[in-house]
Amino acid sequence: MKQRAVLSALLILSVLVADQVAKIWVKTHMSLYEHIELTSWFHIAFVENRGMAFGMDFIGTSILTLFRFLAVCVFSWYLVRCIRRCLPVGFIVCLSLVIAGAVGNIIDNCFYGLIFTESQPANPFFAPTAELVAMGQGYGRFLSGRVVDMLYFPLWEWPEAFPIVGGRTFFGAIFNIADSAISVGAVAIILFYNHILLKK
């Protein structure tokens, strides 16, 4: 049980640190919508959003953050139970990834508006990159911060002949490490550990 608890804590901490380091670097070194092509299939593209993972935006930031916080509390309670029951390590890892990802985006929503100036598109008249400022001196209020996204994988474009998607990039979403952790954890649970969730 102790090994599972330590693994879970280290994994959550590692994802949070990696996620926040990447977001803070992008926010303080890139202008909004700036695009860096590292390879033909991997770009760093700085965007911000108020909504769900992968840039979706259909619900208020405050409501979404409160929902995330409630979900983290429920998942954390469930994670503790699973650790105590010595459920498979892989399942513990998946739950930890989901929790870490949710917390990573909660941090953005709760605090980025308070501690950062607003990111701007490139402009010759003012500094477009955000700066860290004293708590409460940022661009917004508590629960109004925007989530930083930057990972973009334009793997290929659909042929023009394809209806609807022709000429568009396959999986054109821009996301962050937290989104990735949530998605990998959730998909792995569905594929490999759904039998645990279905147990009474």
C-alpha atoms as a PDB file:
ATOM      1  CA  MET A   1       0.000   0.000   0.000  1.00  0.00           C
ATOM      2  CA  LYS A   2       2.777   2.449   0.909  1.00  0.00           C
ATOM      3  CA  GLN A   3       4.535   1.938  -2.435  1.00  0.00           C
ATOM      4  CA  ARG A   4       1.316   2.709  -4.308  1.00  0.00           C
ATOM      5  CA  ALA A   5       0.778   5.859  -2.254  1.00  0.00           C
ATOM      6  CA  VAL A   6       4.333   7.078  -2.870  1.00  0.00           C
ATOM      7  CA  LEU A   7       4.108   6.305  -6.602  1.00  0.00           C
ATOM      8  CA  SER A   8       0.811   8.155  -6.864  1.00  0.00           C
ATOM      9  CA  ALA A   9       2.105  11.216  -5.011  1.00  0.00           C
ATOM     10  CA  LEU A  10       5.313  11.363  -7.073  1.00  0.00           C
ATOM     11  CA  LEU A  11       3.418  10.989 -10.339  1.00  0.00           C
ATOM     12  CA  ILE A  12       0.911  13.730  -9.471  1.00  0.00           C
ATOM     13  CA  LEU A  13       3.735  16.045  -8.373  1.00  0.00           C
ATOM     14  CA  SER A  14       5.792  15.322 -11.508  1.00  0.00           C
ATOM     15  CA  VAL A  15       2.888  16.037 -13.861  1.00  0.00           C
ATOM     16  CA  LEU A  16       2.021  19.245 -12.012  1.00  0.00           C
ATOM     17  CA  VAL A  17       5.611  20.519 -12.080  1.00  0.00           C
ATOM     18  CA  ALA A  18       6.083  19.675 -15.772  1.00  0.00           C
ATOM     19  CA  ASP A  19       2.730  21.210 -16.678  1.00  0.00           C
ATOM     20  CA  GLN A  20       3.291  24.444 -14.772  1.00  0.00           C
ATOM     21  CA  VAL A  21       6.908  24.875 -15.900  1.00  0.00           C
ATOM     22  CA  ALA A  22       5.821  24.528 -19.546  1.00  0.00           C
ATOM     23  CA  LYS A  23       2.902  26.928 -19.138  1.00  0.00           C
ATOM     24  CA  ILE A  24       4.892  29.580 -17.270  1.00  0.00           C
ATOM     25  CA  TRP A  25       7.724  29.437 -19.811  1.00  0.00           C
ATOM     26  CA  VAL A  26       5.322  29.813 -22.728  1.00  0.00           C
ATOM     27  CA  LYS A  27       3.378  32.607 -21.065  1.00  0.00           C
ATOM     28  CA  THR A  28       6.487  34.624 -20.173  1.00  0.00           C
ATOM     29  CA  HIS A  29       8.485  33.966 -23.371  1.00  0.00           C
ATOM     30  CA  MET A  30       5.903  33.914 -26.182  1.00  0.00           C
ATOM     31  CA  SER A  31       3.298  36.338 -27.440  1.00  0.00           C
ATOM     32  CA  LEU A  32      -0.268  35.135 -27.761  1.00  0.00           C
ATOM     33  CA  TYR A  33      -0.771  33.092 -30.964  1.00  0.00           C
ATOM     34  CA  GLU A  34       2.981  32.875 -31.548  1.00  0.00           C
ATOM     35  CA  HIS A  35       3.938  29.682 -33.322  1.00  0.00           C
ATOM     36  CA  ILE A  36       7.248  27.814 -33.101  1.00  0.00           C
ATOM     37  CA  GLU A  37       7.747  24.903 -35.515  1.00  0.00           C
ATOM     38  CA  LEU A  38      10.057  22.371 -33.863  1.00  0.00           C
ATOM     39  CA  THR A  39       9.407  19.709 -36.509  1.00  0.00           C
ATOM     40  CA  SER A  40       6.882  19.397 -39.322  1.00  0.00           C
ATOM     41  CA  TRP A  41       4.623  17.393 -37.007  1.00  0.00           C
ATOM     42  CA  PHE A  42       5.249  19.116 -33.642  1.00  0.00           C
ATOM     43  CA  HIS A  43       4.734  22.810 -32.985  1.00  0.00           C
ATOM     44  CA  ILE A  44       4.580  25.029 -29.914  1.00  0.00           C
ATOM     45  CA  ALA A  45       1.548  27.252 -30.510  1.00  0.00           C
ATOM     46  CA  PHE A  46       0.524  29.575 -27.675  1.00  0.00           C
ATOM     47  CA  VAL A  47      -3.212  29.967 -27.160  1.00  0.00           C
ATOM     48  CA  GLU A  48      -5.388  30.488 -24.096  1.00  0.00           C
ATOM     49  CA  ASN A  49      -8.880  29.274 -23.353  1.00  0.00           C
ATOM     50  CA  ARG A  50     -11.508  29.611 -20.649  1.00  0.00           C
ATOM     51  CA  GLY A  51     -13.111  26.247 -21.191  1.00  0.00           C
ATOM     52  CA  MET A  52     -12.666  22.530 -21.387  1.00  0.00           C
ATOM     53  CA  ALA A  53      -9.675  20.497 -22.484  1.00  0.00           C
ATOM     54  CA  PHE A  54      -8.274  20.890 -26.012  1.00  0.00           C
ATOM     55  CA  GLY A  55      -9.530  24.461 -26.329  1.00  0.00           C
ATOM     56  CA  MET A  56     -13.266  23.772 -26.132  1.00  0.00           C
ATOM     57  CA  ASP A  57     -15.150  26.702 -24.663  1.00  0.00           C
ATOM     58  CA  PHE A  58     -18.822  26.351 -23.850  1.00  0.00           C
ATOM     59  CA  ILE A  59     -19.194  26.949 -20.125  1.00  0.00           C
ATOM     60  CA  GLY A  60     -18.196  29.740 -17.761  1.00  0.00           C
ATOM     61  CA  THR A  61     -14.714  29.604 -16.274  1.00  0.00           C
ATOM     62  CA  SER A  62     -15.885  29.855 -12.656  1.00  0.00           C
ATOM     63  CA  ILE A  63     -18.473  27.102 -13.052  1.00  0.00           C
ATOM     64  CA  LEU A  64     -16.012  24.868 -14.859  1.00  0.00           C
ATOM     65  CA  THR A  65     -13.356  25.405 -12.190  1.00  0.00           C
ATOM     66  CA  LEU A  66     -15.773  24.561  -9.384  1.00  0.00           C
ATOM     67  CA  PHE A  67     -16.824  21.438 -11.276  1.00  0.00           C
ATOM     68  CA  ARG A  68     -13.172  20.456 -11.706  1.00  0.00           C
ATOM     69  CA  PHE A  69     -12.516  21.029  -8.017  1.00  0.00           C
ATOM     70  CA  LEU A  70     -15.460  18.811  -7.056  1.00  0.00           C
ATOM     71  CA  ALA A  71     -14.283  16.138  -9.510  1.00  0.00           C
ATOM     72  CA  VAL A  72     -10.754  16.248  -8.038  1.00  0.00           C
ATOM     73  CA  CYS A  73     -12.159  15.784  -4.533  1.00  0.00           C
ATOM     74  CA  VAL A  74     -14.222  12.770  -5.629  1.00  0.00           C
ATOM     75  CA  PHE A  75     -11.361  11.209  -7.602  1.00  0.00           C
ATOM     76  CA  SER A  76      -8.903  11.810  -4.751  1.00  0.00           C
ATOM     77  CA  TRP A  77     -11.236  10.115  -2.275  1.00  0.00           C
ATOM     78  CA  TYR A  78     -11.604   7.209  -4.693  1.00  0.00           C
ATOM     79  CA  LEU A  79      -7.830   7.064  -5.256  1.00  0.00           C
ATOM     80  CA  VAL A  80      -7.205   6.757  -1.513  1.00  0.00           C
ATOM     81  CA  ARG A  81      -9.725   3.899  -1.337  1.00  0.00           C
ATOM     82  CA  CYS A  82      -8.066   2.139  -4.270  1.00  0.00           C
ATOM     83  CA  ILE A  83      -4.627   2.480  -2.688  1.00  0.00           C
ATOM     84  CA  ARG A  84      -5.895   1.048   0.590  1.00  0.00           C
ATOM     85  CA  ARG A  85      -7.458  -1.875  -1.281  1.00  0.00           C
ATOM     86  CA  CYS A  86      -4.148  -2.466  -3.129  1.00  0.00           C
ATOM     87  CA  LEU A  87      -5.787  -2.336  -6.550  1.00  0.00           C
ATOM     88  CA  PRO A  88      -3.510  -2.758  -9.614  1.00  0.00           C
ATOM     89  CA  VAL A  89      -0.649  -0.289  -9.883  1.00  0.00           C
ATOM     90  CA  GLY A  90      -1.655   0.575 -13.445  1.00  0.00           C
ATOM     91  CA  PHE A  91      -5.102   1.632 -12.275  1.00  0.00           C
ATOM     92  CA  ILE A  92      -3.565   3.782  -9.530  1.00  0.00           C
ATOM     93  CA  VAL A  93      -1.312   5.418 -12.149  1.00  0.00           C
ATOM     94  CA  CYS A  94      -4.296   6.174 -14.399  1.00  0.00           C
ATOM     95  CA  LEU A  95      -6.298   7.762 -11.587  1.00  0.00           C
ATOM     96  CA  SER A  96      -3.268   9.791 -10.550  1.00  0.00           C
ATOM     97  CA  LEU A  97      -2.844  11.108 -14.099  1.00  0.00           C
ATOM     98  CA  VAL A  98      -6.476  12.226 -14.250  1.00  0.00           C
ATOM     99  CA  ILE A  99      -6.214  13.994 -10.890  1.00  0.00           C
ATOM    100  CA  ALA A 100      -2.904  15.664 -11.758  1.00  0.00           C
ATOM    101  CA  GLY A 101      -4.263  16.931 -15.064  1.00  0.00           C
ATOM    102  CA  ALA A 102      -7.385  18.356 -13.490  1.00  0.00           C
ATOM    103  CA  VAL A 103      -5.384  20.107 -10.760  1.00  0.00           C
ATOM    104  CA  GLY A 104      -2.979  21.510 -13.358  1.00  0.00           C
ATOM    105  CA  ASN A 105      -5.790  23.308 -15.181  1.00  0.00           C
ATOM    106  CA  ILE A 106      -7.433  24.370 -11.912  1.00  0.00           C
ATOM    107  CA  ILE A 107      -4.217  26.209 -11.010  1.00  0.00           C
ATOM    108  CA  ASP A 108      -4.473  28.212 -14.252  1.00  0.00           C
ATOM    109  CA  ASN A 109      -8.125  29.085 -13.652  1.00  0.00           C
ATOM    110  CA  CYS A 110      -7.637  30.042 -10.027  1.00  0.00           C
ATOM    111  CA  PHE A 111      -4.359  31.938 -10.064  1.00  0.00           C
ATOM    112  CA  TYR A 112      -3.138  32.966 -13.513  1.00  0.00           C
ATOM    113  CA  GLY A 113      -5.522  35.919 -13.642  1.00  0.00           C
ATOM    114  CA  LEU A 114      -4.140  37.093 -10.297  1.00  0.00           C
ATOM    115  CA  ILE A 115      -0.394  36.722 -10.901  1.00  0.00           C
ATOM    116  CA  PHE A 116       0.143  37.408 -14.635  1.00  0.00           C
ATOM    117  CA  THR A 117      -0.343  40.425 -16.835  1.00  0.00           C
ATOM    118  CA  GLU A 118      -2.385  39.681 -19.924  1.00  0.00           C
ATOM    119  CA  SER A 119      -0.727  37.951 -22.862  1.00  0.00           C
ATOM    120  CA  GLN A 120      -1.094  39.870 -26.124  1.00  0.00           C
ATOM    121  CA  PRO A 121      -0.537  39.105 -29.813  1.00  0.00           C
ATOM    122  CA  ALA A 122       2.742  40.414 -31.198  1.00  0.00           C
ATOM    123  CA  ASN A 123       2.618  44.221 -31.423  1.00  0.00           C
ATOM    124  CA  PRO A 124       5.384  46.823 -31.897  1.00  0.00           C
ATOM    125  CA  PHE A 125       3.834  49.215 -29.373  1.00  0.00           C
ATOM    126  CA  PHE A 126       3.839  47.131 -26.180  1.00  0.00           C
ATOM    127  CA  ALA A 127       5.380  44.004 -24.682  1.00  0.00           C
ATOM    128  CA  PRO A 128       3.246  41.055 -25.821  1.00  0.00           C
ATOM    129  CA  THR A 129       4.618  38.541 -23.326  1.00  0.00           C
ATOM    130  CA  ALA A 130       3.050  38.277 -19.899  1.00  0.00           C
ATOM    131  CA  GLU A 131       4.902  39.132 -16.707  1.00  0.00           C
ATOM    132  CA  LEU A 132       4.623  37.752 -13.196  1.00  0.00           C
ATOM    133  CA  VAL A 133       3.187  40.401 -10.881  1.00  0.00           C
ATOM    134  CA  ALA A 134       2.239  40.674  -7.220  1.00  0.00           C
ATOM    135  CA  MET A 135      -0.787  38.626  -6.174  1.00  0.00           C
ATOM    136  CA  GLY A 136      -3.974  40.401  -7.232  1.00  0.00           C
ATOM    137  CA  GLN A 137      -2.279  42.695  -9.756  1.00  0.00           C
ATOM    138  CA  GLY A 138      -2.895  40.475 -12.783  1.00  0.00           C
ATOM    139  CA  TYR A 139      -5.340  40.642 -15.656  1.00  0.00           C
ATOM    140  CA  GLY A 140      -8.279  39.041 -13.824  1.00  0.00           C
ATOM    141  CA  ARG A 141      -9.759  37.897 -10.569  1.00  0.00           C
ATOM    142  CA  PHE A 142      -9.834  34.586  -8.688  1.00  0.00           C
ATOM    143  CA  LEU A 143     -11.391  31.802 -10.830  1.00  0.00           C
ATOM    144  CA  SER A 144     -11.145  33.908 -13.997  1.00  0.00           C
ATOM    145  CA  GLY A 145      -7.702  32.818 -15.211  1.00  0.00           C
ATOM    146  CA  ARG A 146      -7.305  31.405 -18.689  1.00  0.00           C
ATOM    147  CA  VAL A 147      -5.734  27.995 -19.313  1.00  0.00           C
ATOM    148  CA  VAL A 148      -2.481  28.034 -21.282  1.00  0.00           C
ATOM    149  CA  ASP A 149      -2.247  25.589 -24.201  1.00  0.00           C
ATOM    150  CA  MET A 150       0.773  25.056 -26.416  1.00  0.00           C
ATOM    151  CA  LEU A 151       1.163  21.506 -27.786  1.00  0.00           C
ATOM    152  CA  TYR A 152       0.139  21.148 -31.422  1.00  0.00           C
ATOM    153  CA  PHE A 153       0.659  18.053 -33.568  1.00  0.00           C
ATOM    154  CA  PRO A 154      -0.318  18.697 -37.211  1.00  0.00           C
ATOM    155  CA  LEU A 155       0.353  15.127 -38.254  1.00  0.00           C
ATOM    156  CA  TRP A 156      -1.310  15.417 -41.670  1.00  0.00           C
ATOM    157  CA  GLU A 157      -4.005  17.181 -43.625  1.00  0.00           C
ATOM    158  CA  TRP A 158      -7.086  15.449 -44.983  1.00  0.00           C
ATOM    159  CA  PRO A 159      -7.177  15.287 -48.805  1.00  0.00           C
ATOM    160  CA  GLU A 160      -9.265  18.051 -50.348  1.00  0.00           C
ATOM    161  CA  ALA A 161     -11.603  15.425 -51.840  1.00  0.00           C
ATOM    162  CA  PHE A 162     -12.826  14.343 -48.384  1.00  0.00           C
ATOM    163  CA  PRO A 163     -16.228  15.847 -47.555  1.00  0.00           C
ATOM    164  CA  ILE A 164     -16.400  18.262 -44.581  1.00  0.00           C
ATOM    165  CA  VAL A 165     -12.829  17.658 -43.334  1.00  0.00           C
ATOM    166  CA  GLY A 166     -11.056  18.087 -46.698  1.00  0.00           C
ATOM    167  CA  GLY A 167      -7.982  20.312 -46.389  1.00  0.00           C
ATOM    168  CA  ARG A 168      -8.182  20.444 -42.610  1.00  0.00           C
ATOM    169  CA  THR A 169      -5.523  19.264 -40.189  1.00  0.00           C
ATOM    170  CA  PHE A 170      -6.144  15.891 -38.573  1.00  0.00           C
ATOM    171  CA  PHE A 171      -6.590  16.556 -34.843  1.00  0.00           C
ATOM    172  CA  GLY A 172      -6.032  20.290 -35.013  1.00  0.00           C
ATOM    173  CA  ALA A 173      -6.496  20.817 -31.269  1.00  0.00           C
ATOM    174  CA  ILE A 174      -3.882  22.683 -29.228  1.00  0.00           C
ATOM    175  CA  PHE A 175      -3.530  21.344 -25.694  1.00  0.00           C
ATOM    176  CA  ASN A 176      -1.226  21.151 -22.683  1.00  0.00           C
ATOM    177  CA  ILE A 177       0.437  18.528 -20.484  1.00  0.00           C
ATOM    178  CA  ALA A 178      -2.487  18.534 -18.041  1.00  0.00           C
ATOM    179  CA  ASP A 179      -4.945  17.767 -20.857  1.00  0.00           C
ATOM    180  CA  SER A 180      -2.674  14.948 -21.998  1.00  0.00           C
ATOM    181  CA  ALA A 181      -2.544  13.429 -18.509  1.00  0.00           C
ATOM    182  CA  ILE A 182      -6.336  13.498 -18.195  1.00  0.00           C
ATOM    183  CA  SER A 183      -6.835  11.964 -21.633  1.00  0.00           C
ATOM    184  CA  VAL A 184      -4.199   9.228 -21.277  1.00  0.00           C
ATOM    185  CA  GLY A 185      -5.428   8.288 -17.809  1.00  0.00           C
ATOM    186  CA  ALA A 186      -9.109   8.238 -18.778  1.00  0.00           C
ATOM    187  CA  VAL A 187      -8.618   6.305 -22.020  1.00  0.00           C
ATOM    188  CA  ALA A 188      -6.374   3.729 -20.313  1.00  0.00           C
ATOM    189  CA  ILE A 189      -8.993   3.196 -17.603  1.00  0.00           C
ATOM    190  CA  ILE A 190     -11.696   2.630 -20.215  1.00  0.00           C
ATOM    191  CA  LEU A 191      -9.536   0.270 -22.265  1.00  0.00           C
ATOM    192  CA  PHE A 192      -7.801  -1.748 -19.553  1.00  0.00           C
ATOM    193  CA  TYR A 193      -9.518  -1.228 -16.188  1.00  0.00           C
ATOM    194  CA  ASN A 194     -13.216  -0.820 -16.902  1.00  0.00           C
ATOM    195  CA  HIS A 195     -13.828  -4.120 -15.112  1.00  0.00           C
ATOM    196  CA  ILE A 196     -12.696  -2.462 -11.861  1.00  0.00           C
ATOM    197  CA  LEU A 197     -15.182   0.379 -12.304  1.00  0.00           C
ATOM    198  CA  LEU A 198     -17.978  -2.075 -13.061  1.00  0.00           C
ATOM    199  CA  LYS A 199     -17.386  -4.120  -9.911  1.00  0.00           C
ATOM    200  CA  LYS A 200     -20.061  -3.697  -7.266  1.00  0.00           C
END
